[in-house]
Amino acid sequence: ATAKEEALAEINKLAKVMEAEANIETLVVAKGFAECVAVISEDSANVVVKSEGLQASQIAQINEIVYEQAGISPVNVKIIQR
C-alpha cells in the first residue's frame, strides 16, 4: 500500500510538472515567439525560444511566466536562444 501511494504521488508530481511546462510553452508562444520548449527539473527551468536576439523586456516576460506557472524564481531560469 505504501509503495502504491508513493507511486501515485510521483505520478501526480510528474503530471503537474508536465502541465506547467505545457502552460509555459503556450504562454511564451502567445507573447510572439515562433517556438518555445520548456524543461523543468526540481527547482530550475530551461526555456528554449526561437529568437534573433532577446530584449530585456522579453526576458522579463519569460521569467514572469515561468514564476507564475511553476514557482521557479528567475535566478533559476536559463533562457536559451536558438
C-alpha atoms as a PDB file:
ATOM      1  CA  ALA A   1       0.000   0.000   0.000  1.00  0.00           C
ATOM      2  CA  THR A   2       2.834   2.411   0.840  1.00  0.00           C
ATOM      3  CA  ALA A   3       4.573   1.754  -2.479  1.00  0.00           C
ATOM      4  CA  LYS A   4       1.310   2.376  -4.300  1.00  0.00           C
ATOM      5  CA  GLU A   5       0.818   5.703  -2.507  1.00  0.00           C
ATOM      6  CA  GLU A   6       4.392   6.767  -3.293  1.00  0.00           C
ATOM      7  CA  ALA A   7       3.948   5.828  -6.944  1.00  0.00           C
ATOM      8  CA  LEU A   8       0.711   7.787  -7.162  1.00  0.00           C
ATOM      9  CA  ALA A   9       2.365  10.801  -5.534  1.00  0.00           C
ATOM     10  CA  GLU A  10       5.234  10.620  -8.052  1.00  0.00           C
ATOM     11  CA  ILE A  11       2.798  10.336 -10.975  1.00  0.00           C
ATOM     12  CA  ASN A  12       0.894  13.341  -9.618  1.00  0.00           C
ATOM     13  CA  LYS A  13       4.119  15.354  -9.333  1.00  0.00           C
ATOM     14  CA  LEU A  14       5.150  14.456 -12.888  1.00  0.00           C
ATOM     15  CA  ALA A  15       1.717  15.414 -14.222  1.00  0.00           C
ATOM     16  CA  LYS A  16       1.962  18.828 -12.538  1.00  0.00           C
ATOM     17  CA  VAL A  17       5.437  19.409 -13.997  1.00  0.00           C
ATOM     18  CA  MET A  18       4.248  18.422 -17.468  1.00  0.00           C
ATOM     19  CA  GLU A  19       1.255  20.738 -17.157  1.00  0.00           C
ATOM     20  CA  ALA A  20       3.488  23.635 -16.057  1.00  0.00           C
ATOM     21  CA  GLU A  21       5.865  23.009 -18.983  1.00  0.00           C
ATOM     22  CA  ALA A  22       2.979  22.992 -21.462  1.00  0.00           C
ATOM     23  CA  ASN A  23       1.497  26.166 -19.959  1.00  0.00           C
ATOM     24  CA  ILE A  24       4.866  27.946 -20.113  1.00  0.00           C
ATOM     25  CA  GLU A  25       5.342  26.936 -23.757  1.00  0.00           C
ATOM     26  CA  THR A  26       1.840  28.090 -24.719  1.00  0.00           C
ATOM     27  CA  LEU A  27       2.119  31.432 -22.925  1.00  0.00           C
ATOM     28  CA  VAL A  28       5.593  32.204 -24.308  1.00  0.00           C
ATOM     29  CA  VAL A  29       4.396  31.478 -27.851  1.00  0.00           C
ATOM     30  CA  ALA A  30       1.392  33.730 -27.165  1.00  0.00           C
ATOM     31  CA  LYS A  31       3.864  36.550 -26.411  1.00  0.00           C
ATOM     32  CA  GLY A  32       5.034  36.389 -30.021  1.00  0.00           C
ATOM     33  CA  PHE A  33       7.813  33.810 -30.107  1.00  0.00           C
ATOM     34  CA  ALA A  34       7.689  31.355 -33.002  1.00  0.00           C
ATOM     35  CA  GLU A  35       8.758  28.387 -30.887  1.00  0.00           C
ATOM     36  CA  CYS A  36       9.314  27.532 -27.231  1.00  0.00           C
ATOM     37  CA  VAL A  37      10.340  24.438 -25.302  1.00  0.00           C
ATOM     38  CA  ALA A  38      10.335  24.436 -21.501  1.00  0.00           C
ATOM     39  CA  VAL A  39      12.017  21.811 -19.332  1.00  0.00           C
ATOM     40  CA  ILE A  40      11.560  21.841 -15.571  1.00  0.00           C
ATOM     41  CA  SER A  41      13.780  19.830 -13.266  1.00  0.00           C
ATOM     42  CA  GLU A  42      13.461  20.174  -9.499  1.00  0.00           C
ATOM     43  CA  ASP A  43      13.826  23.902  -8.715  1.00  0.00           C
ATOM     44  CA  SER A  44      15.149  25.096 -12.068  1.00  0.00           C
ATOM     45  CA  ALA A  45      13.889  25.567 -15.595  1.00  0.00           C
ATOM     46  CA  ASN A  46      15.395  25.772 -19.055  1.00  0.00           C
ATOM     47  CA  VAL A  47      13.400  27.659 -21.658  1.00  0.00           C
ATOM     48  CA  VAL A  48      14.478  27.478 -25.301  1.00  0.00           C
ATOM     49  CA  VAL A  49      12.985  30.117 -27.592  1.00  0.00           C
ATOM     50  CA  LYS A  50      13.446  30.877 -31.250  1.00  0.00           C
ATOM     51  CA  SER A  51      14.743  34.430 -31.379  1.00  0.00           C
ATOM     52  CA  GLU A  52      17.227  36.618 -33.222  1.00  0.00           C
ATOM     53  CA  GLY A  53      18.096  38.432 -30.003  1.00  0.00           C
ATOM     54  CA  LEU A  54      16.165  38.794 -26.797  1.00  0.00           C
ATOM     55  CA  GLN A  55      15.239  42.194 -25.409  1.00  0.00           C
ATOM     56  CA  ALA A  56      15.355  42.768 -21.647  1.00  0.00           C
ATOM     57  CA  SER A  57      11.552  43.085 -21.631  1.00  0.00           C
ATOM     58  CA  GLN A  58      11.178  39.689 -23.336  1.00  0.00           C
ATOM     59  CA  ILE A  59      13.487  38.047 -20.795  1.00  0.00           C
ATOM     60  CA  ALA A  60      11.407  39.594 -18.010  1.00  0.00           C
ATOM     61  CA  GLN A  61       8.195  38.290 -19.605  1.00  0.00           C
ATOM     62  CA  ILE A  62       9.568  34.758 -19.870  1.00  0.00           C
ATOM     63  CA  ASN A  63      10.831  34.848 -16.272  1.00  0.00           C
ATOM     64  CA  GLU A  64       7.438  36.077 -15.086  1.00  0.00           C
ATOM     65  CA  ILE A  65       5.600  33.325 -16.968  1.00  0.00           C
ATOM     66  CA  VAL A  66       7.881  30.639 -15.503  1.00  0.00           C
ATOM     67  CA  TYR A  67       7.437  32.045 -11.995  1.00  0.00           C
ATOM     68  CA  GLU A  68       3.654  32.231 -12.310  1.00  0.00           C
ATOM     69  CA  GLN A  69       3.286  28.727 -13.754  1.00  0.00           C
ATOM     70  CA  ALA A  70       5.952  26.803 -11.850  1.00  0.00           C
ATOM     71  CA  GLY A  71       7.004  28.977  -8.911  1.00  0.00           C
ATOM     72  CA  ILE A  72      10.630  28.987 -10.093  1.00  0.00           C
ATOM     73  CA  SER A  73      12.479  32.224  -9.355  1.00  0.00           C
ATOM     74  CA  PRO A  74      14.242  33.991 -12.252  1.00  0.00           C
ATOM     75  CA  VAL A  75      17.688  33.254 -10.814  1.00  0.00           C
ATOM     76  CA  ASN A  76      16.998  29.544 -11.510  1.00  0.00           C
ATOM     77  CA  VAL A  77      15.702  30.047 -15.055  1.00  0.00           C
ATOM     78  CA  LYS A  78      18.017  29.635 -18.013  1.00  0.00           C
ATOM     79  CA  ILE A  79      16.738  31.138 -21.254  1.00  0.00           C
ATOM     80  CA  ILE A  80      18.390  29.792 -24.388  1.00  0.00           C
ATOM     81  CA  GLN A  81      18.050  31.386 -27.824  1.00  0.00           C
ATOM     82  CA  ARG A  82      18.225  29.314 -30.942  1.00  0.00           C
END
